[in-house]
Amino acid sequence: MEQQGKILQEVTHLVDAGKLQGTASEVLNGLNVETLQQAHIKVQEGHMRGKVTIAKPSLCQPSTLVIPGESRGSL
């Protein structure tokens, strides 16, 4: 657990220094069948730049962080 705390502190410093950038290009609200289908279609179309994020309404808007230059993942 102590190591995880150190990793999170380093991530915080990297975000604050602008070395990590959010790549969420669209946020779909509500974790349900409709938003999962929408997200899947957007990824499959191949026109997305960045990430599609599905947010649970009761939670804060999440951000997907990647290190610039790293390859993009898929949904």
N, C-alpha and C. Protein backbone atom coordinates (compact mmCIF):
# COMPACT_ATOMS: atom_id res chain seq x y z
N MET A 1 0.82 -1.20 0.00
CA MET A 1 0.00 0.00 0.00
C MET A 1 0.86 1.26 0.00
N GLU A 2 1.95 1.21 0.71
CA GLU A 2 2.83 2.37 0.77
C GLU A 2 3.36 2.72 -0.62
N GLN A 3 3.71 1.70 -1.40
CA GLN A 3 4.22 1.92 -2.76
C GLN A 3 3.15 2.57 -3.64
N GLN A 4 1.89 2.14 -3.49
CA GLN A 4 0.81 2.73 -4.27
C GLN A 4 0.64 4.21 -3.95
N GLY A 5 0.80 4.56 -2.68
CA GLY A 5 0.72 5.96 -2.28
C GLY A 5 1.81 6.79 -2.95
N LYS A 6 3.00 6.23 -3.04
CA LYS A 6 4.11 6.92 -3.70
C LYS A 6 3.82 7.09 -5.19
N ILE A 7 3.27 6.06 -5.80
CA ILE A 7 2.93 6.14 -7.23
C ILE A 7 1.88 7.22 -7.46
N LEU A 8 0.85 7.26 -6.62
CA LEU A 8 -0.20 8.27 -6.76
C LEU A 8 0.35 9.68 -6.55
N GLN A 9 1.29 9.84 -5.63
CA GLN A 9 1.91 11.15 -5.44
C GLN A 9 2.68 11.56 -6.69
N GLU A 10 3.39 10.63 -7.30
CA GLU A 10 4.14 10.93 -8.52
C GLU A 10 3.19 11.31 -9.66
N VAL A 11 2.09 10.58 -9.78
CA VAL A 11 1.09 10.91 -10.80
C VAL A 11 0.55 12.31 -10.56
N THR A 12 0.28 12.66 -9.31
CA THR A 12 -0.20 13.99 -8.97
C THR A 12 0.79 15.06 -9.41
N HIS A 13 2.07 14.82 -9.15
CA HIS A 13 3.10 15.79 -9.57
C HIS A 13 3.17 15.90 -11.09
N LEU A 14 3.05 14.78 -11.79
CA LEU A 14 3.09 14.81 -13.26
C LEU A 14 1.89 15.56 -13.83
N VAL A 15 0.71 15.37 -13.25
CA VAL A 15 -0.49 16.09 -13.71
C VAL A 15 -0.32 17.57 -13.45
N ASP A 16 0.12 17.93 -12.24
CA ASP A 16 0.31 19.34 -11.90
C ASP A 16 1.36 20.00 -12.78
N ALA A 17 2.36 19.24 -13.21
CA ALA A 17 3.44 19.78 -14.06
C ALA A 17 3.04 19.80 -15.53
N GLY A 18 1.85 19.28 -15.85
CA GLY A 18 1.40 19.27 -17.24
C GLY A 18 2.03 18.17 -18.09
N LYS A 19 2.63 17.19 -17.45
CA LYS A 19 3.28 16.11 -18.20
C LYS A 19 2.32 14.96 -18.52
N LEU A 20 1.17 14.93 -17.87
CA LEU A 20 0.10 14.00 -18.21
C LEU A 20 -1.08 14.83 -18.68
N GLN A 21 -1.72 14.36 -19.74
CA GLN A 21 -2.84 15.10 -20.30
C GLN A 21 -4.07 14.20 -20.37
N GLY A 22 -5.21 14.77 -20.09
CA GLY A 22 -6.45 14.04 -20.22
C GLY A 22 -6.77 13.83 -21.70
N THR A 23 -7.30 12.67 -22.03
CA THR A 23 -7.61 12.38 -23.43
C THR A 23 -9.08 12.07 -23.63
N ALA A 24 -9.90 12.34 -22.63
CA ALA A 24 -11.33 12.08 -22.79
C ALA A 24 -11.90 13.08 -23.78
N SER A 25 -12.33 12.57 -24.94
CA SER A 25 -12.89 13.45 -25.94
C SER A 25 -14.41 13.51 -25.83
N GLU A 26 -14.98 12.56 -25.13
CA GLU A 26 -16.42 12.56 -24.92
C GLU A 26 -16.75 11.82 -23.64
N VAL A 27 -17.71 12.35 -22.88
CA VAL A 27 -18.16 11.71 -21.65
C VAL A 27 -19.63 11.37 -21.82
N LEU A 28 -19.95 10.09 -21.67
CA LEU A 28 -21.34 9.64 -21.72
C LEU A 28 -21.79 9.42 -20.28
N ASN A 29 -22.93 9.97 -19.92
CA ASN A 29 -23.40 9.90 -18.54
C ASN A 29 -24.37 8.75 -18.34
N GLY A 30 -24.12 7.98 -17.30
CA GLY A 30 -24.99 6.86 -16.94
C GLY A 30 -24.43 5.54 -17.43
N LEU A 31 -24.23 4.64 -16.52
CA LEU A 31 -23.73 3.31 -16.86
C LEU A 31 -24.93 2.41 -17.12
N ASN A 32 -25.32 2.32 -18.40
CA ASN A 32 -26.47 1.50 -18.77
C ASN A 32 -26.25 0.94 -20.17
N VAL A 33 -27.17 0.14 -20.64
CA VAL A 33 -27.03 -0.52 -21.94
C VAL A 33 -26.88 0.51 -23.06
N GLU A 34 -27.65 1.57 -23.02
CA GLU A 34 -27.62 2.57 -24.09
C GLU A 34 -26.25 3.25 -24.20
N THR A 35 -25.69 3.67 -23.05
CA THR A 35 -24.41 4.35 -23.12
C THR A 35 -23.28 3.39 -23.50
N LEU A 36 -23.38 2.14 -23.06
CA LEU A 36 -22.38 1.15 -23.46
C LEU A 36 -22.43 0.93 -24.97
N GLN A 37 -23.64 0.87 -25.53
CA GLN A 37 -23.77 0.69 -26.98
C GLN A 37 -23.23 1.92 -27.72
N GLN A 38 -23.55 3.11 -27.23
CA GLN A 38 -23.04 4.34 -27.86
C GLN A 38 -21.52 4.37 -27.85
N ALA A 39 -20.92 4.03 -26.72
CA ALA A 39 -19.47 4.04 -26.61
C ALA A 39 -18.85 3.02 -27.56
N HIS A 40 -19.43 1.85 -27.62
CA HIS A 40 -18.91 0.80 -28.50
C HIS A 40 -18.97 1.24 -29.96
N ILE A 41 -20.07 1.83 -30.37
CA ILE A 41 -20.22 2.31 -31.76
C ILE A 41 -19.19 3.38 -32.07
N LYS A 42 -18.99 4.32 -31.16
CA LYS A 42 -18.03 5.39 -31.39
C LYS A 42 -16.61 4.84 -31.58
N VAL A 43 -16.24 3.86 -30.76
CA VAL A 43 -14.91 3.27 -30.88
C VAL A 43 -14.79 2.47 -32.18
N GLN A 44 -15.81 1.69 -32.51
CA GLN A 44 -15.78 0.86 -33.70
C GLN A 44 -15.76 1.67 -34.99
N GLU A 45 -16.35 2.87 -34.99
CA GLU A 45 -16.34 3.72 -36.18
C GLU A 45 -14.93 4.16 -36.56
N GLY A 46 -14.04 4.20 -35.58
CA GLY A 46 -12.65 4.53 -35.85
C GLY A 46 -12.37 6.01 -36.05
N HIS A 47 -13.32 6.88 -35.72
CA HIS A 47 -13.12 8.31 -35.92
C HIS A 47 -12.80 9.05 -34.62
N MET A 48 -12.72 8.32 -33.52
CA MET A 48 -12.47 8.94 -32.22
C MET A 48 -11.00 9.31 -32.06
N ARG A 49 -10.77 10.49 -31.53
CA ARG A 49 -9.44 10.87 -31.05
C ARG A 49 -9.59 11.01 -29.55
N GLY A 50 -8.80 10.30 -28.82
CA GLY A 50 -8.92 10.34 -27.37
C GLY A 50 -9.75 9.18 -26.87
N LYS A 51 -10.35 9.35 -25.73
CA LYS A 51 -11.07 8.27 -25.06
C LYS A 51 -12.54 8.62 -24.89
N VAL A 52 -13.38 7.59 -24.89
CA VAL A 52 -14.78 7.74 -24.52
C VAL A 52 -14.86 7.31 -23.06
N THR A 53 -15.44 8.15 -22.23
CA THR A 53 -15.57 7.87 -20.80
C THR A 53 -17.03 7.71 -20.47
N ILE A 54 -17.36 6.67 -19.71
CA ILE A 54 -18.72 6.49 -19.23
C ILE A 54 -18.71 6.80 -17.74
N ALA A 55 -19.48 7.82 -17.36
CA ALA A 55 -19.49 8.29 -15.97
C ALA A 55 -20.76 7.84 -15.27
N LYS A 56 -20.58 7.32 -14.09
CA LYS A 56 -21.71 7.01 -13.23
C LYS A 56 -22.22 8.34 -12.69
N PRO A 57 -23.50 8.66 -12.81
CA PRO A 57 -24.01 9.98 -12.43
C PRO A 57 -23.65 10.43 -11.02
N SER A 58 -23.55 9.52 -10.08
CA SER A 58 -23.28 9.93 -8.70
C SER A 58 -21.80 10.20 -8.44
N LEU A 59 -20.95 9.96 -9.43
CA LEU A 59 -19.52 10.17 -9.25
C LEU A 59 -19.07 11.42 -9.99
N CYS A 60 -17.88 11.89 -9.66
CA CYS A 60 -17.29 13.02 -10.36
C CYS A 60 -17.00 12.62 -11.79
N GLN A 61 -16.89 13.61 -12.68
CA GLN A 61 -16.51 13.34 -14.06
C GLN A 61 -15.10 12.78 -14.06
N PRO A 62 -14.91 11.56 -14.55
CA PRO A 62 -13.55 10.99 -14.56
C PRO A 62 -12.74 11.53 -15.73
N SER A 63 -11.45 11.44 -15.60
CA SER A 63 -10.54 11.77 -16.68
C SER A 63 -9.67 10.57 -16.96
N THR A 64 -9.41 10.34 -18.21
CA THR A 64 -8.50 9.29 -18.58
C THR A 64 -7.16 9.94 -18.84
N LEU A 65 -6.12 9.49 -18.16
CA LEU A 65 -4.80 10.09 -18.30
C LEU A 65 -3.88 9.15 -19.04
N VAL A 66 -3.12 9.70 -19.96
CA VAL A 66 -2.10 8.92 -20.64
C VAL A 66 -0.84 9.76 -20.72
N ILE A 67 0.26 9.09 -20.86
CA ILE A 67 1.53 9.78 -21.04
C ILE A 67 1.63 10.16 -22.51
N PRO A 68 1.86 11.44 -22.83
CA PRO A 68 1.95 11.83 -24.24
C PRO A 68 2.94 10.95 -24.99
N GLY A 69 2.54 10.52 -26.18
CA GLY A 69 3.40 9.68 -27.00
C GLY A 69 3.13 8.19 -26.81
N GLU A 70 2.37 7.82 -25.77
CA GLU A 70 2.06 6.41 -25.57
C GLU A 70 0.95 6.02 -26.52
N SER A 71 0.86 4.74 -26.86
CA SER A 71 -0.18 4.29 -27.78
C SER A 71 -1.54 4.35 -27.10
N ARG A 72 -2.58 4.56 -27.93
CA ARG A 72 -3.93 4.64 -27.41
C ARG A 72 -4.50 3.24 -27.27
N GLY A 73 -5.28 3.04 -26.21
CA GLY A 73 -5.96 1.77 -26.02
C GLY A 73 -7.34 1.84 -26.63
N SER A 74 -8.12 0.81 -26.44
CA SER A 74 -9.47 0.80 -26.92
C SER A 74 -10.41 0.47 -25.79
N LEU A 75 -11.69 0.64 -26.03
CA LEU A 75 -12.73 0.42 -25.02
C LEU A 75 -12.76 -1.02 -24.64
